[in-house]
Amino acid sequence: MIRQIQITCDTAKLCAARLSGKEAPVHDDNEVTLADIKNRIESVVSYLSSFKADDFKGAEERKISQPRWEGKWMTGYDYALHHAIPNFYFHTTTTYSILRHNGVDVGKKDYLGEMPYKH
């Protein structure tokens, strides 16, 4: 489960970094406790909170690559749509499934979070 959360965090931070051209924080993947993984999540959320809309100007046309793509690349738009977003949700859902399988009482409302209802 911890590896799934690490990958989810990496996907989020690397997507923002690649689309903006900024450096992502490095995490050593050495988390072993729930407190460790909560710290990792908080670190990534803090990093993501530092971005402004202007940081992503031109991101949709930026050439995005990574070593395992062996010289291939995608536009920022395609990278976000076809790689980063699906990868993020795949690993988030896998974490959720592992928790449920092991008897943790989590459900759809935990996954969706608070709804921005209006009165």
N, C-alpha and C. Protein backbone atom coordinates (compact mmCIF):
# COMPACT_ATOMS: atom_id res chain seq x y z
N MET A 1 0.82 -1.18 0.00
CA MET A 1 0.00 0.00 0.00
C MET A 1 0.87 1.25 0.00
N ILE A 2 1.93 1.25 0.79
CA ILE A 2 2.79 2.43 0.87
C ILE A 2 3.35 2.76 -0.51
N ARG A 3 3.74 1.75 -1.28
CA ARG A 3 4.29 2.02 -2.61
C ARG A 3 3.24 2.70 -3.50
N GLN A 4 2.00 2.30 -3.38
CA GLN A 4 0.94 2.93 -4.17
C GLN A 4 0.82 4.42 -3.82
N ILE A 5 0.91 4.74 -2.55
CA ILE A 5 0.82 6.14 -2.12
C ILE A 5 2.04 6.91 -2.59
N GLN A 6 3.21 6.31 -2.54
CA GLN A 6 4.42 6.96 -3.04
C GLN A 6 4.26 7.30 -4.52
N ILE A 7 3.75 6.37 -5.31
CA ILE A 7 3.58 6.60 -6.74
C ILE A 7 2.53 7.67 -6.99
N THR A 8 1.45 7.66 -6.22
CA THR A 8 0.42 8.69 -6.35
C THR A 8 1.03 10.07 -6.09
N CYS A 9 1.80 10.18 -5.02
CA CYS A 9 2.46 11.45 -4.69
C CYS A 9 3.43 11.87 -5.79
N ASP A 10 4.23 10.92 -6.28
CA ASP A 10 5.19 11.23 -7.33
C ASP A 10 4.48 11.70 -8.60
N THR A 11 3.39 11.04 -8.95
CA THR A 11 2.65 11.42 -10.15
C THR A 11 2.16 12.86 -10.05
N ALA A 12 1.61 13.22 -8.90
CA ALA A 12 1.09 14.58 -8.72
C ALA A 12 2.20 15.62 -8.78
N LYS A 13 3.28 15.40 -8.03
CA LYS A 13 4.35 16.41 -7.99
C LYS A 13 5.09 16.49 -9.32
N LEU A 14 5.31 15.35 -9.98
CA LEU A 14 6.03 15.37 -11.24
C LEU A 14 5.20 15.95 -12.37
N CYS A 15 3.91 15.76 -12.32
CA CYS A 15 3.04 16.39 -13.32
C CYS A 15 3.16 17.91 -13.23
N ALA A 16 3.01 18.44 -12.04
CA ALA A 16 3.12 19.89 -11.85
C ALA A 16 4.50 20.39 -12.25
N ALA A 17 5.53 19.67 -11.85
CA ALA A 17 6.90 20.08 -12.17
C ALA A 17 7.14 20.06 -13.68
N ARG A 18 6.75 19.00 -14.32
CA ARG A 18 6.98 18.88 -15.77
C ARG A 18 6.18 19.91 -16.56
N LEU A 19 4.94 20.16 -16.15
CA LEU A 19 4.12 21.13 -16.87
C LEU A 19 4.59 22.56 -16.65
N SER A 20 5.21 22.82 -15.52
CA SER A 20 5.64 24.18 -15.20
C SER A 20 7.12 24.43 -15.51
N GLY A 21 7.89 23.36 -15.66
CA GLY A 21 9.33 23.50 -15.86
C GLY A 21 10.10 23.71 -14.57
N LYS A 22 9.43 23.48 -13.43
CA LYS A 22 10.08 23.64 -12.12
C LYS A 22 10.62 22.30 -11.63
N GLU A 23 11.49 22.36 -10.64
CA GLU A 23 12.03 21.16 -10.02
C GLU A 23 11.04 20.60 -8.99
N ALA A 24 10.88 19.30 -8.99
CA ALA A 24 10.03 18.63 -7.99
C ALA A 24 10.88 18.26 -6.79
N PRO A 25 10.28 18.23 -5.61
CA PRO A 25 11.02 17.75 -4.44
C PRO A 25 11.37 16.27 -4.62
N VAL A 26 12.47 15.88 -4.02
CA VAL A 26 12.90 14.49 -4.07
C VAL A 26 12.48 13.79 -2.79
N HIS A 27 11.89 12.63 -2.94
CA HIS A 27 11.54 11.80 -1.79
C HIS A 27 12.30 10.48 -1.93
N ASP A 28 12.80 9.97 -0.85
CA ASP A 28 13.66 8.78 -0.87
C ASP A 28 12.91 7.45 -0.87
N ASP A 29 11.58 7.49 -0.86
CA ASP A 29 10.77 6.26 -0.83
C ASP A 29 11.15 5.36 0.35
N ASN A 30 11.35 5.98 1.50
CA ASN A 30 11.74 5.20 2.68
C ASN A 30 10.67 5.21 3.77
N GLU A 31 9.44 5.54 3.40
CA GLU A 31 8.36 5.56 4.37
C GLU A 31 8.00 4.13 4.80
N VAL A 32 7.77 3.96 6.10
CA VAL A 32 7.36 2.64 6.60
C VAL A 32 6.15 2.71 7.52
N THR A 33 5.86 3.87 8.08
CA THR A 33 4.74 4.00 9.01
C THR A 33 3.67 4.91 8.42
N LEU A 34 2.51 4.88 9.04
CA LEU A 34 1.43 5.77 8.62
C LEU A 34 1.86 7.22 8.79
N ALA A 35 2.55 7.54 9.86
CA ALA A 35 3.05 8.90 10.07
C ALA A 35 4.00 9.31 8.95
N ASP A 36 4.87 8.40 8.53
CA ASP A 36 5.80 8.69 7.44
C ASP A 36 5.04 9.03 6.16
N ILE A 37 4.04 8.23 5.84
CA ILE A 37 3.32 8.44 4.59
C ILE A 37 2.46 9.70 4.66
N LYS A 38 1.92 10.01 5.84
CA LYS A 38 1.19 11.27 5.99
C LYS A 38 2.11 12.46 5.77
N ASN A 39 3.34 12.37 6.27
CA ASN A 39 4.32 13.44 6.04
C ASN A 39 4.63 13.59 4.55
N ARG A 40 4.73 12.48 3.86
CA ARG A 40 5.00 12.53 2.41
C ARG A 40 3.84 13.22 1.69
N ILE A 41 2.64 12.84 2.02
CA ILE A 41 1.47 13.46 1.39
C ILE A 41 1.43 14.95 1.70
N GLU A 42 1.65 15.33 2.95
CA GLU A 42 1.65 16.74 3.33
C GLU A 42 2.74 17.52 2.59
N SER A 43 3.89 16.90 2.40
CA SER A 43 4.99 17.54 1.66
C SER A 43 4.58 17.82 0.22
N VAL A 44 3.93 16.87 -0.41
CA VAL A 44 3.51 17.03 -1.80
C VAL A 44 2.38 18.06 -1.90
N VAL A 45 1.43 18.00 -1.00
CA VAL A 45 0.34 18.99 -1.00
C VAL A 45 0.91 20.40 -0.81
N SER A 46 1.87 20.55 0.07
CA SER A 46 2.51 21.85 0.28
C SER A 46 3.20 22.33 -1.00
N TYR A 47 3.92 21.43 -1.66
CA TYR A 47 4.59 21.77 -2.92
C TYR A 47 3.56 22.19 -3.97
N LEU A 48 2.50 21.43 -4.12
CA LEU A 48 1.48 21.76 -5.11
C LEU A 48 0.79 23.08 -4.79
N SER A 49 0.65 23.38 -3.51
CA SER A 49 0.01 24.63 -3.10
C SER A 49 0.85 25.85 -3.44
N SER A 50 2.12 25.64 -3.74
CA SER A 50 3.00 26.77 -4.05
C SER A 50 2.82 27.28 -5.48
N PHE A 51 2.12 26.53 -6.32
CA PHE A 51 1.96 26.91 -7.73
C PHE A 51 0.87 27.97 -7.92
N LYS A 52 1.09 28.80 -8.89
CA LYS A 52 0.12 29.81 -9.33
C LYS A 52 -0.25 29.49 -10.78
N ALA A 53 -1.36 30.00 -11.24
CA ALA A 53 -1.81 29.75 -12.61
C ALA A 53 -0.74 30.15 -13.63
N ASP A 54 -0.05 31.25 -13.38
CA ASP A 54 0.99 31.71 -14.32
C ASP A 54 2.12 30.70 -14.48
N ASP A 55 2.32 29.85 -13.49
CA ASP A 55 3.38 28.84 -13.59
C ASP A 55 3.13 27.85 -14.74
N PHE A 56 1.89 27.78 -15.20
CA PHE A 56 1.54 26.80 -16.22
C PHE A 56 1.28 27.41 -17.60
N LYS A 57 1.67 28.66 -17.78
CA LYS A 57 1.50 29.28 -19.10
C LYS A 57 2.31 28.50 -20.12
N GLY A 58 1.65 28.11 -21.20
CA GLY A 58 2.31 27.36 -22.26
C GLY A 58 2.47 25.88 -21.97
N ALA A 59 1.96 25.41 -20.84
CA ALA A 59 2.16 24.02 -20.43
C ALA A 59 1.55 23.03 -21.43
N GLU A 60 0.44 23.42 -22.06
CA GLU A 60 -0.23 22.47 -22.96
C GLU A 60 0.63 22.10 -24.17
N GLU A 61 1.56 22.99 -24.55
CA GLU A 61 2.43 22.72 -25.69
C GLU A 61 3.85 22.31 -25.30
N ARG A 62 4.16 22.33 -24.01
CA ARG A 62 5.50 21.95 -23.54
C ARG A 62 5.76 20.49 -23.91
N LYS A 63 6.97 20.19 -24.35
CA LYS A 63 7.35 18.81 -24.65
C LYS A 63 7.71 18.11 -23.34
N ILE A 64 6.98 17.04 -23.04
CA ILE A 64 7.18 16.29 -21.81
C ILE A 64 7.75 14.92 -22.17
N SER A 65 8.82 14.55 -21.50
CA SER A 65 9.42 13.24 -21.68
C SER A 65 9.91 12.73 -20.33
N GLN A 66 10.30 11.50 -20.32
CA GLN A 66 10.93 10.90 -19.14
C GLN A 66 11.80 9.75 -19.63
N PRO A 67 12.80 9.38 -18.84
CA PRO A 67 13.77 8.39 -19.31
C PRO A 67 13.17 7.08 -19.84
N ARG A 68 12.15 6.56 -19.21
CA ARG A 68 11.62 5.27 -19.65
C ARG A 68 10.83 5.34 -20.95
N TRP A 69 10.62 6.55 -21.47
CA TRP A 69 9.95 6.69 -22.76
C TRP A 69 10.92 6.60 -23.93
N GLU A 70 12.19 6.42 -23.64
CA GLU A 70 13.22 6.17 -24.65
C GLU A 70 13.18 7.18 -25.80
N GLY A 71 13.27 8.46 -25.48
CA GLY A 71 13.33 9.50 -26.49
C GLY A 71 12.00 9.99 -27.02
N LYS A 72 10.93 9.35 -26.63
CA LYS A 72 9.60 9.79 -27.06
C LYS A 72 9.13 10.92 -26.15
N TRP A 73 8.15 11.69 -26.61
CA TRP A 73 7.61 12.78 -25.81
C TRP A 73 6.14 12.98 -26.13
N MET A 74 5.49 13.76 -25.29
CA MET A 74 4.09 14.17 -25.49
C MET A 74 4.00 15.66 -25.23
N THR A 75 2.96 16.27 -25.75
CA THR A 75 2.69 17.66 -25.36
C THR A 75 2.21 17.64 -23.92
N GLY A 76 2.30 18.76 -23.26
CA GLY A 76 1.81 18.86 -21.89
C GLY A 76 0.35 18.46 -21.78
N TYR A 77 -0.43 18.89 -22.74
CA TYR A 77 -1.85 18.54 -22.74
C TYR A 77 -2.04 17.03 -22.79
N ASP A 78 -1.36 16.37 -23.74
CA ASP A 78 -1.49 14.92 -23.86
C ASP A 78 -0.91 14.20 -22.65
N TYR A 79 0.19 14.71 -22.12
CA TYR A 79 0.79 14.12 -20.92
C TYR A 79 -0.19 14.14 -19.75
N ALA A 80 -0.81 15.29 -19.51
CA ALA A 80 -1.76 15.39 -18.41
C ALA A 80 -2.96 14.49 -18.64
N LEU A 81 -3.52 14.54 -19.85
CA LEU A 81 -4.74 13.81 -20.16
C LEU A 81 -4.54 12.30 -20.26
N HIS A 82 -3.46 11.88 -20.88
CA HIS A 82 -3.28 10.45 -21.18
C HIS A 82 -2.34 9.71 -20.23
N HIS A 83 -1.57 10.46 -19.44
CA HIS A 83 -0.64 9.78 -18.53
C HIS A 83 -0.85 10.18 -17.07
N ALA A 84 -0.65 11.45 -16.76
CA ALA A 84 -0.61 11.86 -15.35
C ALA A 84 -1.95 11.66 -14.63
N ILE A 85 -3.02 12.13 -15.20
CA ILE A 85 -4.32 12.01 -14.53
C ILE A 85 -4.74 10.54 -14.38
N PRO A 86 -4.70 9.74 -15.46
CA PRO A 86 -5.07 8.33 -15.27
C PRO A 86 -4.14 7.59 -14.30
N ASN A 87 -2.84 7.89 -14.34
CA ASN A 87 -1.89 7.24 -13.44
C ASN A 87 -2.19 7.60 -11.99
N PHE A 88 -2.47 8.89 -11.74
CA PHE A 88 -2.81 9.35 -10.40
C PHE A 88 -4.03 8.59 -9.86
N TYR A 89 -5.08 8.53 -10.65
CA TYR A 89 -6.30 7.87 -10.18
C TYR A 89 -6.16 6.36 -10.10
N PHE A 90 -5.36 5.76 -10.97
CA PHE A 90 -5.12 4.32 -10.87
C PHE A 90 -4.49 3.97 -9.53
N HIS A 91 -3.44 4.69 -9.15
CA HIS A 91 -2.75 4.36 -7.90
C HIS A 91 -3.55 4.78 -6.67
N THR A 92 -4.33 5.85 -6.77
CA THR A 92 -5.22 6.23 -5.68
C THR A 92 -6.28 5.14 -5.46
N THR A 93 -6.87 4.68 -6.54
CA THR A 93 -7.90 3.65 -6.46
C THR A 93 -7.32 2.34 -5.97
N THR A 94 -6.10 2.02 -6.39
CA THR A 94 -5.45 0.80 -5.91
C THR A 94 -5.22 0.88 -4.40
N THR A 95 -4.79 2.03 -3.90
CA THR A 95 -4.62 2.22 -2.46
C THR A 95 -5.95 2.01 -1.74
N TYR A 96 -7.00 2.62 -2.25
CA TYR A 96 -8.35 2.49 -1.69
C TYR A 96 -8.75 1.01 -1.64
N SER A 97 -8.50 0.29 -2.73
CA SER A 97 -8.87 -1.13 -2.80
C SER A 97 -8.09 -1.96 -1.80
N ILE A 98 -6.81 -1.67 -1.63
CA ILE A 98 -5.99 -2.40 -0.65
C ILE A 98 -6.54 -2.16 0.76
N LEU A 99 -6.87 -0.91 1.06
CA LEU A 99 -7.44 -0.60 2.37
C LEU A 99 -8.75 -1.36 2.60
N ARG A 100 -9.64 -1.30 1.61
CA ARG A 100 -10.93 -2.01 1.74
C ARG A 100 -10.73 -3.51 1.91
N HIS A 101 -9.83 -4.08 1.11
CA HIS A 101 -9.56 -5.51 1.17
C HIS A 101 -9.08 -5.93 2.56
N ASN A 102 -8.37 -5.03 3.22
CA ASN A 102 -7.82 -5.34 4.54
C ASN A 102 -8.71 -4.87 5.68
N GLY A 103 -9.97 -4.57 5.37
CA GLY A 103 -10.95 -4.31 6.40
C GLY A 103 -11.05 -2.89 6.91
N VAL A 104 -10.36 -1.96 6.26
CA VAL A 104 -10.47 -0.57 6.68
C VAL A 104 -11.82 -0.03 6.21
N ASP A 105 -12.52 0.61 7.11
CA ASP A 105 -13.86 1.12 6.82
C ASP A 105 -13.79 2.45 6.07
N VAL A 106 -13.48 2.37 4.78
CA VAL A 106 -13.49 3.55 3.92
C VAL A 106 -14.52 3.32 2.84
N GLY A 107 -15.11 4.39 2.37
CA GLY A 107 -16.13 4.28 1.34
C GLY A 107 -16.03 5.42 0.36
N LYS A 108 -17.04 5.50 -0.47
CA LYS A 108 -17.06 6.49 -1.54
C LYS A 108 -16.93 7.91 -1.00
N LYS A 109 -17.59 8.21 0.10
CA LYS A 109 -17.52 9.57 0.66
C LYS A 109 -16.11 9.92 1.10
N ASP A 110 -15.35 8.94 1.60
CA ASP A 110 -13.95 9.17 1.96
C ASP A 110 -13.12 9.46 0.71
N TYR A 111 -13.42 8.78 -0.35
CA TYR A 111 -12.71 8.92 -1.62
C TYR A 111 -13.03 10.26 -2.27
N LEU A 112 -14.31 10.63 -2.28
CA LEU A 112 -14.72 11.88 -2.93
C LEU A 112 -14.41 13.12 -2.12
N GLY A 113 -14.46 13.00 -0.81
CA GLY A 113 -14.23 14.18 0.05
C GLY A 113 -15.47 15.02 0.19
N GLU A 114 -15.28 16.21 0.72
CA GLU A 114 -16.41 17.13 0.93
C GLU A 114 -16.96 17.63 -0.41
N MET A 115 -18.25 17.68 -0.51
CA MET A 115 -18.92 18.20 -1.71
C MET A 115 -19.18 19.71 -1.53
N PRO A 116 -18.96 20.48 -2.57
CA PRO A 116 -19.16 21.93 -2.47
C PRO A 116 -20.63 22.32 -2.73
N TYR A 117 -21.52 21.75 -1.91
CA TYR A 117 -22.94 22.03 -2.08
C TYR A 117 -23.23 23.51 -1.85
N LYS A 118 -24.22 24.01 -2.56
CA LYS A 118 -24.68 25.40 -2.42
C LYS A 118 -26.11 25.38 -1.90
N HIS A 119 -26.47 26.41 -1.13
CA HIS A 119 -27.84 26.54 -0.62
C HIS A 119 -28.51 27.69 -1.32
